[in-house]
Amino acid sequence: MNEDQVVSALSALAHAQRLRVFRALVVAGPAGLNPSVIADQLGIARSALSFHLKELAHASLVSVEQQGRNLIYRADFSSMTGLLGYLTEHCCQGAACDAANPDACTTC
């Protein structure tokens, strides 16, 4: 992931409702969710949700697939992993560590 992509992703996530939507899609996993379910789960107006989903898709954090008359949104786990990798690339002063396991890091 390059710096522009990271800024775009972090910008998209820097809004409470978009962050909630993204987290709901992460929890849903590969099956994803349709906008009606997301709106009902999170109590977000459908018109606002459409805008937030578009912003997340523009930042490549979610993908959308048409299934019949329905749209299914999914978290893009490869983009999420790329973002986390970029943010932790030089952690622990360059020493090898498992950023997902804070106890494994002895230098940070």
PDB file of N, CA and C in Angstrom:
ATOM      1  N   MET A   1       0.857  -1.174   0.000  1.00  0.00           N
ATOM      2  CA  MET A   1       0.000   0.000   0.000  1.00  0.00           C
ATOM      3  C   MET A   1       0.902   1.237   0.000  1.00  0.00           C
ATOM      4  N   ASN A   2       0.553   2.205  -0.825  1.00  0.00           N
ATOM      5  CA  ASN A   2       1.361   3.425  -0.833  1.00  0.00           C
ATOM      6  C   ASN A   2       0.728   4.476   0.080  1.00  0.00           C
ATOM      7  N   GLU A   3       1.450   5.554   0.270  1.00  0.00           N
ATOM      8  CA  GLU A   3       1.021   6.594   1.203  1.00  0.00           C
ATOM      9  C   GLU A   3      -0.339   7.190   0.831  1.00  0.00           C
ATOM     10  N   ASP A   4      -0.589   7.430  -0.449  1.00  0.00           N
ATOM     11  CA  ASP A   4      -1.882   7.985  -0.874  1.00  0.00           C
ATOM     12  C   ASP A   4      -3.035   7.041  -0.546  1.00  0.00           C
ATOM     13  N   GLN A   5      -2.833   5.748  -0.743  1.00  0.00           N
ATOM     14  CA  GLN A   5      -3.871   4.762  -0.422  1.00  0.00           C
ATOM     15  C   GLN A   5      -4.125   4.719   1.083  1.00  0.00           C
ATOM     16  N   VAL A   6      -3.072   4.814   1.861  1.00  0.00           N
ATOM     17  CA  VAL A   6      -3.207   4.798   3.325  1.00  0.00           C
ATOM     18  C   VAL A   6      -3.982   6.029   3.788  1.00  0.00           C
ATOM     19  N   VAL A   7      -3.651   7.193   3.250  1.00  0.00           N
ATOM     20  CA  VAL A   7      -4.357   8.421   3.618  1.00  0.00           C
ATOM     21  C   VAL A   7      -5.836   8.312   3.248  1.00  0.00           C
ATOM     22  N   SER A   8      -6.133   7.770   2.083  1.00  0.00           N
ATOM     23  CA  SER A   8      -7.522   7.595   1.647  1.00  0.00           C
ATOM     24  C   SER A   8      -8.274   6.650   2.587  1.00  0.00           C
ATOM     25  N   ALA A   9      -7.642   5.539   2.950  1.00  0.00           N
ATOM     26  CA  ALA A   9      -8.284   4.569   3.845  1.00  0.00           C
ATOM     27  C   ALA A   9      -8.510   5.160   5.228  1.00  0.00           C
ATOM     28  N   LEU A  10      -7.504   5.819   5.763  1.00  0.00           N
ATOM     29  CA  LEU A  10      -7.651   6.405   7.097  1.00  0.00           C
ATOM     30  C   LEU A  10      -8.680   7.525   7.085  1.00  0.00           C
ATOM     31  N   SER A  11      -8.734   8.288   6.007  1.00  0.00           N
ATOM     32  CA  SER A  11      -9.743   9.340   5.864  1.00  0.00           C
ATOM     33  C   SER A  11     -11.144   8.745   5.879  1.00  0.00           C
ATOM     34  N   ALA A  12     -11.310   7.662   5.144  1.00  0.00           N
ATOM     35  CA  ALA A  12     -12.630   7.015   5.086  1.00  0.00           C
ATOM     36  C   ALA A  12     -13.042   6.482   6.450  1.00  0.00           C
ATOM     37  N   LEU A  13     -12.096   5.986   7.203  1.00  0.00           N
ATOM     38  CA  LEU A  13     -12.408   5.419   8.522  1.00  0.00           C
ATOM     39  C   LEU A  13     -12.530   6.483   9.609  1.00  0.00           C
ATOM     40  N   ALA A  14     -12.166   7.723   9.297  1.00  0.00           N
ATOM     41  CA  ALA A  14     -12.173   8.792  10.294  1.00  0.00           C
ATOM     42  C   ALA A  14     -13.554   9.422  10.449  1.00  0.00           C
ATOM     43  N   HIS A  15     -14.569   8.621  10.341  1.00  0.00           N
ATOM     44  CA  HIS A  15     -15.953   9.063  10.539  1.00  0.00           C
ATOM     45  C   HIS A  15     -16.644   7.952  11.321  1.00  0.00           C
ATOM     46  N   ALA A  16     -17.308   8.305  12.392  1.00  0.00           N
ATOM     47  CA  ALA A  16     -17.875   7.302  13.295  1.00  0.00           C
ATOM     48  C   ALA A  16     -18.802   6.311  12.589  1.00  0.00           C
ATOM     49  N   GLN A  17     -19.699   6.804  11.740  1.00  0.00           N
ATOM     50  CA  GLN A  17     -20.635   5.882  11.087  1.00  0.00           C
ATOM     51  C   GLN A  17     -19.924   4.981  10.086  1.00  0.00           C
ATOM     52  N   ARG A  18     -18.962   5.520   9.341  1.00  0.00           N
ATOM     53  CA  ARG A  18     -18.221   4.678   8.397  1.00  0.00           C
ATOM     54  C   ARG A  18     -17.405   3.631   9.143  1.00  0.00           C
ATOM     55  N   LEU A  19     -16.825   4.005  10.258  1.00  0.00           N
ATOM     56  CA  LEU A  19     -16.074   3.041  11.056  1.00  0.00           C
ATOM     57  C   LEU A  19     -16.993   1.934  11.553  1.00  0.00           C
ATOM     58  N   ARG A  20     -18.185   2.287  11.999  1.00  0.00           N
ATOM     59  CA  ARG A  20     -19.154   1.285  12.451  1.00  0.00           C
ATOM     60  C   ARG A  20     -19.574   0.358  11.315  1.00  0.00           C
ATOM     61  N   VAL A  21     -19.791   0.931  10.132  1.00  0.00           N
ATOM     62  CA  VAL A  21     -20.165   0.129   8.958  1.00  0.00           C
ATOM     63  C   VAL A  21     -19.034  -0.832   8.614  1.00  0.00           C
ATOM     64  N   PHE A  22     -17.813  -0.329   8.576  1.00  0.00           N
ATOM     65  CA  PHE A  22     -16.674  -1.185   8.240  1.00  0.00           C
ATOM     66  C   PHE A  22     -16.529  -2.308   9.257  1.00  0.00           C
ATOM     67  N   ARG A  23     -16.652  -2.001  10.516  1.00  0.00           N
ATOM     68  CA  ARG A  23     -16.532  -3.041  11.556  1.00  0.00           C
ATOM     69  C   ARG A  23     -17.639  -4.084  11.424  1.00  0.00           C
ATOM     70  N   ALA A  24     -18.848  -3.652  11.080  1.00  0.00           N
ATOM     71  CA  ALA A  24     -19.949  -4.601  10.880  1.00  0.00           C
ATOM     72  C   ALA A  24     -19.641  -5.533   9.718  1.00  0.00           C
ATOM     73  N   LEU A  25     -19.028  -4.998   8.665  1.00  0.00           N
ATOM     74  CA  LEU A  25     -18.674  -5.831   7.511  1.00  0.00           C
ATOM     75  C   LEU A  25     -17.524  -6.781   7.846  1.00  0.00           C
ATOM     76  N   VAL A  26     -16.602  -6.349   8.687  1.00  0.00           N
ATOM     77  CA  VAL A  26     -15.521  -7.238   9.129  1.00  0.00           C
ATOM     78  C   VAL A  26     -16.122  -8.392   9.929  1.00  0.00           C
ATOM     79  N   VAL A  27     -17.041  -8.089  10.818  1.00  0.00           N
ATOM     80  CA  VAL A  27     -17.690  -9.132  11.624  1.00  0.00           C
ATOM     81  C   VAL A  27     -18.476 -10.088  10.732  1.00  0.00           C
ATOM     82  N   ALA A  28     -19.127  -9.563   9.699  1.00  0.00           N
ATOM     83  CA  ALA A  28     -19.927 -10.402   8.793  1.00  0.00           C
ATOM     84  C   ALA A  28     -19.053 -11.374   8.008  1.00  0.00           C
ATOM     85  N   GLY A  29     -17.788 -11.023   7.811  1.00  0.00           N
ATOM     86  CA  GLY A  29     -16.869 -11.912   7.109  1.00  0.00           C
ATOM     87  C   GLY A  29     -17.155 -11.990   5.620  1.00  0.00           C
ATOM     88  N   PRO A  30     -16.712 -13.077   4.993  1.00  0.00           N
ATOM     89  CA  PRO A  30     -16.829 -13.219   3.540  1.00  0.00           C
ATOM     90  C   PRO A  30     -18.269 -13.206   3.016  1.00  0.00           C
ATOM     91  N   ALA A  31     -19.229 -13.538   3.841  1.00  0.00           N
ATOM     92  CA  ALA A  31     -20.631 -13.534   3.397  1.00  0.00           C
ATOM     93  C   ALA A  31     -21.111 -12.118   3.105  1.00  0.00           C
ATOM     94  N   GLY A  32     -20.578 -11.133   3.800  1.00  0.00           N
ATOM     95  CA  GLY A  32     -20.969  -9.750   3.587  1.00  0.00           C
ATOM     96  C   GLY A  32     -22.384  -9.466   4.054  1.00  0.00           C
ATOM     97  N   LEU A  33     -22.841  -8.264   3.787  1.00  0.00           N
ATOM     98  CA  LEU A  33     -24.178  -7.825   4.194  1.00  0.00           C
ATOM     99  C   LEU A  33     -24.773  -6.958   3.095  1.00  0.00           C
ATOM    100  N   ASN A  34     -26.103  -6.972   3.007  1.00  0.00           N
ATOM    101  CA  ASN A  34     -26.736  -6.033   2.080  1.00  0.00           C
ATOM    102  C   ASN A  34     -27.054  -4.742   2.842  1.00  0.00           C
ATOM    103  N   PRO A  35     -27.215  -3.649   2.138  1.00  0.00           N
ATOM    104  CA  PRO A  35     -27.398  -2.359   2.798  1.00  0.00           C
ATOM    105  C   PRO A  35     -28.585  -2.304   3.766  1.00  0.00           C
ATOM    106  N   SER A  36     -29.657  -3.006   3.461  1.00  0.00           N
ATOM    107  CA  SER A  36     -30.812  -2.988   4.359  1.00  0.00           C
ATOM    108  C   SER A  36     -30.466  -3.564   5.722  1.00  0.00           C
ATOM    109  N   VAL A  37     -29.714  -4.651   5.720  1.00  0.00           N
ATOM    110  CA  VAL A  37     -29.314  -5.278   6.977  1.00  0.00           C
ATOM    111  C   VAL A  37     -28.385  -4.351   7.756  1.00  0.00           C
ATOM    112  N   ILE A  38     -27.441  -3.741   7.056  1.00  0.00           N
ATOM    113  CA  ILE A  38     -26.511  -2.811   7.712  1.00  0.00           C
ATOM    114  C   ILE A  38     -27.286  -1.651   8.325  1.00  0.00           C
ATOM    115  N   ALA A  39     -28.192  -1.066   7.554  1.00  0.00           N
ATOM    116  CA  ALA A  39     -28.980   0.076   8.033  1.00  0.00           C
ATOM    117  C   ALA A  39     -29.775  -0.303   9.274  1.00  0.00           C
ATOM    118  N   ASP A  40     -30.398  -1.472   9.260  1.00  0.00           N
ATOM    119  CA  ASP A  40     -31.190  -1.916  10.400  1.00  0.00           C
ATOM    120  C   ASP A  40     -30.311  -2.208  11.613  1.00  0.00           C
ATOM    121  N   GLN A  41     -29.186  -2.885  11.387  1.00  0.00           N
ATOM    122  CA  GLN A  41     -28.275  -3.218  12.489  1.00  0.00           C
ATOM    123  C   GLN A  41     -27.726  -1.976  13.176  1.00  0.00           C
ATOM    124  N   LEU A  42     -27.363  -0.988  12.385  1.00  0.00           N
ATOM    125  CA  LEU A  42     -26.657   0.176  12.926  1.00  0.00           C
ATOM    126  C   LEU A  42     -27.542   1.397  13.126  1.00  0.00           C
ATOM    127  N   GLY A  43     -28.786   1.320  12.676  1.00  0.00           N
ATOM    128  CA  GLY A  43     -29.692   2.456  12.828  1.00  0.00           C
ATOM    129  C   GLY A  43     -29.268   3.668  12.010  1.00  0.00           C
ATOM    130  N   ILE A  44     -28.777   3.403  10.813  1.00  0.00           N
ATOM    131  CA  ILE A  44     -28.336   4.475   9.915  1.00  0.00           C
ATOM    132  C   ILE A  44     -29.365   4.613   8.803  1.00  0.00           C
ATOM    133  N   ALA A  45     -29.726   5.856   8.485  1.00  0.00           N
ATOM    134  CA  ALA A  45     -30.659   6.095   7.381  1.00  0.00           C
ATOM    135  C   ALA A  45     -30.064   5.538   6.092  1.00  0.00           C
ATOM    136  N   ARG A  46     -30.897   4.933   5.269  1.00  0.00           N
ATOM    137  CA  ARG A  46     -30.411   4.301   4.036  1.00  0.00           C
ATOM    138  C   ARG A  46     -29.710   5.287   3.096  1.00  0.00           C
ATOM    139  N   SER A  47     -30.196   6.516   3.041  1.00  0.00           N
ATOM    140  CA  SER A  47     -29.554   7.505   2.166  1.00  0.00           C
ATOM    141  C   SER A  47     -28.157   7.842   2.673  1.00  0.00           C
ATOM    142  N   ALA A  48     -28.002   7.973   3.971  1.00  0.00           N
ATOM    143  CA  ALA A  48     -26.676   8.243   4.550  1.00  0.00           C
ATOM    144  C   ALA A  48     -25.775   7.033   4.380  1.00  0.00           C
ATOM    145  N   LEU A  49     -26.339   5.850   4.546  1.00  0.00           N
ATOM    146  CA  LEU A  49     -25.550   4.627   4.417  1.00  0.00           C
ATOM    147  C   LEU A  49     -24.978   4.493   3.013  1.00  0.00           C
ATOM    148  N   SER A  50     -25.765   4.825   2.034  1.00  0.00           N
ATOM    149  CA  SER A  50     -25.309   4.753   0.644  1.00  0.00           C
ATOM    150  C   SER A  50     -24.067   5.619   0.448  1.00  0.00           C
ATOM    151  N   PHE A  51     -24.076   6.812   0.995  1.00  0.00           N
ATOM    152  CA  PHE A  51     -22.932   7.715   0.905  1.00  0.00           C
ATOM    153  C   PHE A  51     -21.711   7.107   1.604  1.00  0.00           C
ATOM    154  N   HIS A  52     -21.906   6.561   2.796  1.00  0.00           N
ATOM    155  CA  HIS A  52     -20.793   5.994   3.559  1.00  0.00           C
ATOM    156  C   HIS A  52     -20.205   4.766   2.863  1.00  0.00           C
ATOM    157  N   LEU A  53     -21.056   3.923   2.309  1.00  0.00           N
ATOM    158  CA  LEU A  53     -20.565   2.747   1.587  1.00  0.00           C
ATOM    159  C   LEU A  53     -19.766   3.159   0.350  1.00  0.00           C
ATOM    160  N   LYS A  54     -20.223   4.220  -0.326  1.00  0.00           N
ATOM    161  CA  LYS A  54     -19.499   4.715  -1.497  1.00  0.00           C
ATOM    162  C   LYS A  54     -18.110   5.212  -1.099  1.00  0.00           C
ATOM    163  N   GLU A  55     -18.015   5.902   0.021  1.00  0.00           N
ATOM    164  CA  GLU A  55     -16.722   6.401   0.495  1.00  0.00           C
ATOM    165  C   GLU A  55     -15.789   5.248   0.864  1.00  0.00           C
ATOM    166  N   LEU A  56     -16.320   4.230   1.517  1.00  0.00           N
ATOM    167  CA  LEU A  56     -15.503   3.068   1.880  1.00  0.00           C
ATOM    168  C   LEU A  56     -15.052   2.309   0.632  1.00  0.00           C
ATOM    169  N   ALA A  57     -15.924   2.204  -0.349  1.00  0.00           N
ATOM    170  CA  ALA A  57     -15.567   1.524  -1.597  1.00  0.00           C
ATOM    171  C   ALA A  57     -14.515   2.325  -2.357  1.00  0.00           C
ATOM    172  N   HIS A  58     -14.659   3.653  -2.374  1.00  0.00           N
ATOM    173  CA  HIS A  58     -13.691   4.517  -3.054  1.00  0.00           C
ATOM    174  C   HIS A  58     -12.302   4.371  -2.418  1.00  0.00           C
ATOM    175  N   ALA A  59     -12.252   4.122  -1.122  1.00  0.00           N
ATOM    176  CA  ALA A  59     -10.983   3.933  -0.411  1.00  0.00           C
ATOM    177  C   ALA A  59     -10.506   2.483  -0.502  1.00  0.00           C
ATOM    178  N   SER A  60     -11.210   1.650  -1.249  1.00  0.00           N
ATOM    179  CA  SER A  60     -10.881   0.225  -1.438  1.00  0.00           C
ATOM    180  C   SER A  60     -10.942  -0.583  -0.143  1.00  0.00           C
ATOM    181  N   LEU A  61     -11.753  -0.136   0.799  1.00  0.00           N
ATOM    182  CA  LEU A  61     -11.905  -0.882   2.046  1.00  0.00           C
ATOM    183  C   LEU A  61     -13.052  -1.881   1.980  1.00  0.00           C
ATOM    184  N   VAL A  62     -13.970  -1.671   1.048  1.00  0.00           N
ATOM    185  CA  VAL A  62     -15.069  -2.615   0.854  1.00  0.00           C
ATOM    186  C   VAL A  62     -15.233  -2.896  -0.630  1.00  0.00           C
ATOM    187  N   SER A  63     -15.784  -4.055  -0.915  1.00  0.00           N
ATOM    188  CA  SER A  63     -16.130  -4.403  -2.292  1.00  0.00           C
ATOM    189  C   SER A  63     -17.638  -4.607  -2.337  1.00  0.00           C
ATOM    190  N   VAL A  64     -18.183  -4.506  -3.529  1.00  0.00           N
ATOM    191  CA  VAL A  64     -19.621  -4.679  -3.700  1.00  0.00           C
ATOM    192  C   VAL A  64     -19.856  -5.646  -4.849  1.00  0.00           C
ATOM    193  N   GLU A  65     -20.843  -6.507  -4.660  1.00  0.00           N
ATOM    194  CA  GLU A  65     -21.203  -7.486  -5.683  1.00  0.00           C
ATOM    195  C   GLU A  65     -22.719  -7.486  -5.835  1.00  0.00           C
ATOM    196  N   GLN A  66     -23.171  -7.492  -7.058  1.00  0.00           N
ATOM    197  CA  GLN A  66     -24.600  -7.571  -7.314  1.00  0.00           C
ATOM    198  C   GLN A  66     -25.000  -9.039  -7.338  1.00  0.00           C
ATOM    199  N   GLN A  67     -25.992  -9.395  -6.523  1.00  0.00           N
ATOM    200  CA  GLN A  67     -26.563 -10.742  -6.519  1.00  0.00           C
ATOM    201  C   GLN A  67     -28.052 -10.596  -6.793  1.00  0.00           C
ATOM    202  N   GLY A  68     -28.407 -10.820  -8.033  1.00  0.00           N
ATOM    203  CA  GLY A  68     -29.801 -10.608  -8.425  1.00  0.00           C
ATOM    204  C   GLY A  68     -30.127  -9.132  -8.313  1.00  0.00           C
ATOM    205  N   ARG A  69     -31.148  -8.814  -7.522  1.00  0.00           N
ATOM    206  CA  ARG A  69     -31.534  -7.419  -7.322  1.00  0.00           C
ATOM    207  C   ARG A  69     -30.868  -6.807  -6.101  1.00  0.00           C
ATOM    208  N   ASN A  70     -30.054  -7.582  -5.411  1.00  0.00           N
ATOM    209  CA  ASN A  70     -29.431  -7.116  -4.180  1.00  0.00           C
ATOM    210  C   ASN A  70     -27.953  -6.811  -4.368  1.00  0.00           C
ATOM    211  N   LEU A  71     -27.462  -5.869  -3.590  1.00  0.00           N
ATOM    212  CA  LEU A  71     -26.034  -5.588  -3.515  1.00  0.00           C
ATOM    213  C   LEU A  71     -25.504  -6.190  -2.225  1.00  0.00           C
ATOM    214  N   ILE A  72     -24.362  -6.831  -2.306  1.00  0.00           N
ATOM    215  CA  ILE A  72     -23.717  -7.391  -1.125  1.00  0.00           C
ATOM    216  C   ILE A  72     -22.387  -6.673  -0.949  1.00  0.00           C
ATOM    217  N   TYR A  73     -22.211  -6.078   0.220  1.00  0.00           N
ATOM    218  CA  TYR A  73     -20.963  -5.393   0.545  1.00  0.00           C
ATOM    219  C   TYR A  73     -20.129  -6.277   1.450  1.00  0.00           C
ATOM    220  N   ARG A  74     -18.829  -6.289   1.192  1.00  0.00           N
ATOM    221  CA  ARG A  74     -17.895  -7.089   1.985  1.00  0.00           C
ATOM    222  C   ARG A  74     -16.688  -6.231   2.336  1.00  0.00           C
ATOM    223  N   ALA A  75     -16.146  -6.456   3.517  1.00  0.00           N
ATOM    224  CA  ALA A  75     -14.882  -5.808   3.877  1.00  0.00           C
ATOM    225  C   ALA A  75     -13.809  -6.390   2.969  1.00  0.00           C
ATOM    226  N   ASP A  76     -12.917  -5.553   2.497  1.00  0.00           N
ATOM    227  CA  ASP A  76     -11.794  -6.011   1.685  1.00  0.00           C
ATOM    228  C   ASP A  76     -10.640  -6.298   2.649  1.00  0.00           C
ATOM    229  N   PHE A  77     -10.517  -7.576   3.001  1.00  0.00           N
ATOM    230  CA  PHE A  77      -9.534  -7.965   4.011  1.00  0.00           C
ATOM    231  C   PHE A  77      -8.101  -7.769   3.533  1.00  0.00           C
ATOM    232  N   SER A  78      -7.853  -7.862   2.235  1.00  0.00           N
ATOM    233  CA  SER A  78      -6.489  -7.641   1.750  1.00  0.00           C
ATOM    234  C   SER A  78      -6.107  -6.167   1.900  1.00  0.00           C
ATOM    235  N   SER A  79      -7.039  -5.256   1.658  1.00  0.00           N
ATOM    236  CA  SER A  79      -6.759  -3.831   1.868  1.00  0.00           C
ATOM    237  C   SER A  79      -6.574  -3.535   3.349  1.00  0.00           C
ATOM    238  N   MET A  80      -7.399  -4.151   4.179  1.00  0.00           N
ATOM    239  CA  MET A  80      -7.282  -3.950   5.622  1.00  0.00           C
ATOM    240  C   MET A  80      -5.919  -4.445   6.111  1.00  0.00           C
ATOM    241  N   THR A  81      -5.500  -5.606   5.625  1.00  0.00           N
ATOM    242  CA  THR A  81      -4.204  -6.155   6.008  1.00  0.00           C
ATOM    243  C   THR A  81      -3.074  -5.266   5.497  1.00  0.00           C
ATOM    244  N   GLY A  82      -3.222  -4.743   4.279  1.00  0.00           N
ATOM    245  CA  GLY A  82      -2.225  -3.830   3.724  1.00  0.00           C
ATOM    246  C   GLY A  82      -2.096  -2.563   4.554  1.00  0.00           C
ATOM    247  N   LEU A  83      -3.226  -2.034   5.004  1.00  0.00           N
ATOM    248  CA  LEU A  83      -3.216  -0.835   5.840  1.00  0.00           C
ATOM    249  C   LEU A  83      -2.512  -1.111   7.164  1.00  0.00           C
ATOM    250  N   LEU A  84      -2.869  -2.209   7.794  1.00  0.00           N
ATOM    251  CA  LEU A  84      -2.213  -2.562   9.060  1.00  0.00           C
ATOM    252  C   LEU A  84      -0.725  -2.818   8.868  1.00  0.00           C
ATOM    253  N   GLY A  85      -0.382  -3.452   7.761  1.00  0.00           N
ATOM    254  CA  GLY A  85       1.025  -3.707   7.462  1.00  0.00           C
ATOM    255  C   GLY A  85       1.799  -2.413   7.282  1.00  0.00           C
ATOM    256  N   TYR A  86       1.199  -1.458   6.580  1.00  0.00           N
ATOM    257  CA  TYR A  86       1.853  -0.166   6.379  1.00  0.00           C
ATOM    258  C   TYR A  86       2.075   0.531   7.715  1.00  0.00           C
ATOM    259  N   LEU A  87       1.062   0.487   8.573  1.00  0.00           N
ATOM    260  CA  LEU A  87       1.152   1.189   9.853  1.00  0.00           C
ATOM    261  C   LEU A  87       2.149   0.542  10.815  1.00  0.00           C
ATOM    262  N   THR A  88       2.377  -0.742  10.670  1.00  0.00           N
ATOM    263  CA  THR A  88       3.265  -1.449  11.602  1.00  0.00           C
ATOM    264  C   THR A  88       4.577  -1.883  10.959  1.00  0.00           C
ATOM    265  N   GLU A  89       4.839  -1.425   9.742  1.00  0.00           N
ATOM    266  CA  GLU A  89       5.984  -1.882   8.969  1.00  0.00           C
ATOM    267  C   GLU A  89       7.310  -1.725   9.707  1.00  0.00           C
ATOM    268  N   HIS A  90       7.498  -0.650  10.397  1.00  0.00           N
ATOM    269  CA  HIS A  90       8.776  -0.407  11.056  1.00  0.00           C
ATOM    270  C   HIS A  90       8.625  -0.347  12.578  1.00  0.00           C
ATOM    271  N   CYS A  91       7.710  -1.139  13.103  1.00  0.00           N
ATOM    272  CA  CYS A  91       7.517  -1.125  14.549  1.00  0.00           C
ATOM    273  C   CYS A  91       8.712  -1.795  15.240  1.00  0.00           C
ATOM    274  N   CYS A  92       8.803  -1.634  16.492  1.00  0.00           N
ATOM    275  CA  CYS A  92       9.819  -2.286  17.324  1.00  0.00           C
ATOM    276  C   CYS A  92      11.240  -1.933  16.888  1.00  0.00           C
ATOM    277  N   GLN A  93      11.417  -0.734  16.388  1.00  0.00           N
ATOM    278  CA  GLN A  93      12.732  -0.245  15.975  1.00  0.00           C
ATOM    279  C   GLN A  93      13.404  -1.176  14.976  1.00  0.00           C
ATOM    280  N   GLY A  94      12.600  -1.791  14.106  1.00  0.00           N
ATOM    281  CA  GLY A  94      13.125  -2.665  13.058  1.00  0.00           C
ATOM    282  C   GLY A  94      13.358  -4.091  13.486  1.00  0.00           C
ATOM    283  N   ALA A  95      13.182  -4.403  14.771  1.00  0.00           N
ATOM    284  CA  ALA A  95      13.373  -5.775  15.246  1.00  0.00           C
ATOM    285  C   ALA A  95      12.161  -6.615  14.851  1.00  0.00           C
ATOM    286  N   ALA A  96      12.399  -7.889  14.618  1.00  0.00           N
ATOM    287  CA  ALA A  96      11.300  -8.788  14.265  1.00  0.00           C
ATOM    288  C   ALA A  96      10.355  -8.908  15.448  1.00  0.00           C
ATOM    289  N   CYS A  97       9.067  -8.791  15.145  1.00  0.00           N
ATOM    290  CA  CYS A  97       8.073  -8.983  16.205  1.00  0.00           C
ATOM    291  C   CYS A  97       6.747  -9.347  15.571  1.00  0.00           C
ATOM    292  N   ASP A  98       5.855  -9.823  16.368  1.00  0.00           N
ATOM    293  CA  ASP A  98       4.508 -10.154  15.932  1.00  0.00           C
ATOM    294  C   ASP A  98       3.600  -9.060  16.463  1.00  0.00           C
ATOM    295  N   ALA A  99       3.293  -8.073  15.622  1.00  0.00           N
ATOM    296  CA  ALA A  99       2.515  -6.917  16.060  1.00  0.00           C
ATOM    297  C   ALA A  99       1.138  -7.312  16.582  1.00  0.00           C
ATOM    298  N   ALA A 100       0.612  -8.450  16.140  1.00  0.00           N
ATOM    299  CA  ALA A 100      -0.700  -8.906  16.609  1.00  0.00           C
ATOM    300  C   ALA A 100      -0.611  -9.470  18.023  1.00  0.00           C
ATOM    301  N   ASN A 101       0.619  -9.796  18.459  1.00  0.00           N
ATOM    302  CA  ASN A 101       0.814 -10.350  19.805  1.00  0.00           C
ATOM    303  C   ASN A 101       1.764  -9.435  20.574  1.00  0.00           C
ATOM    304  N   PRO A 102       1.238  -8.477  21.334  1.00  0.00           N
ATOM    305  CA  PRO A 102       2.095  -7.505  21.998  1.00  0.00           C
ATOM    306  C   PRO A 102       3.109  -8.157  22.949  1.00  0.00           C
ATOM    307  N   ASP A 103       2.814  -9.330  23.493  1.00  0.00           N
ATOM    308  CA  ASP A 103       3.747  -9.989  24.406  1.00  0.00           C
ATOM    309  C   ASP A 103       4.969 -10.526  23.667  1.00  0.00           C
ATOM    310  N   ALA A 104       4.851 -10.707  22.342  1.00  0.00           N
ATOM    311  CA  ALA A 104       5.977 -11.223  21.551  1.00  0.00           C
ATOM    312  C   ALA A 104       7.020 -10.136  21.297  1.00  0.00           C
ATOM    313  N   CYS A 105       6.645  -8.893  21.438  1.00  0.00           N
ATOM    314  CA  CYS A 105       7.557  -7.769  21.191  1.00  0.00           C
ATOM    315  C   CYS A 105       8.284  -7.420  22.476  1.00  0.00           C
ATOM    316  N   THR A 106       9.586  -7.483  22.448  1.00  0.00           N
ATOM    317  CA  THR A 106      10.350  -7.125  23.635  1.00  0.00           C
ATOM    318  C   THR A 106      10.948  -5.731  23.513  1.00  0.00           C
ATOM    319  N   THR A 107      10.909  -5.153  22.309  1.00  0.00           N
ATOM    320  CA  THR A 107      11.506  -3.828  22.122  1.00  0.00           C
ATOM    321  C   THR A 107      10.482  -2.720  22.029  1.00  0.00           C
ATOM    322  N   CYS A 108       9.188  -3.064  22.061  1.00  0.00           N
ATOM    323  CA  CYS A 108       8.188  -1.984  21.977  1.00  0.00           C
ATOM    324  C   CYS A 108       7.111  -2.184  23.012  1.00  0.00           C
TER     325      CYS A 108
END
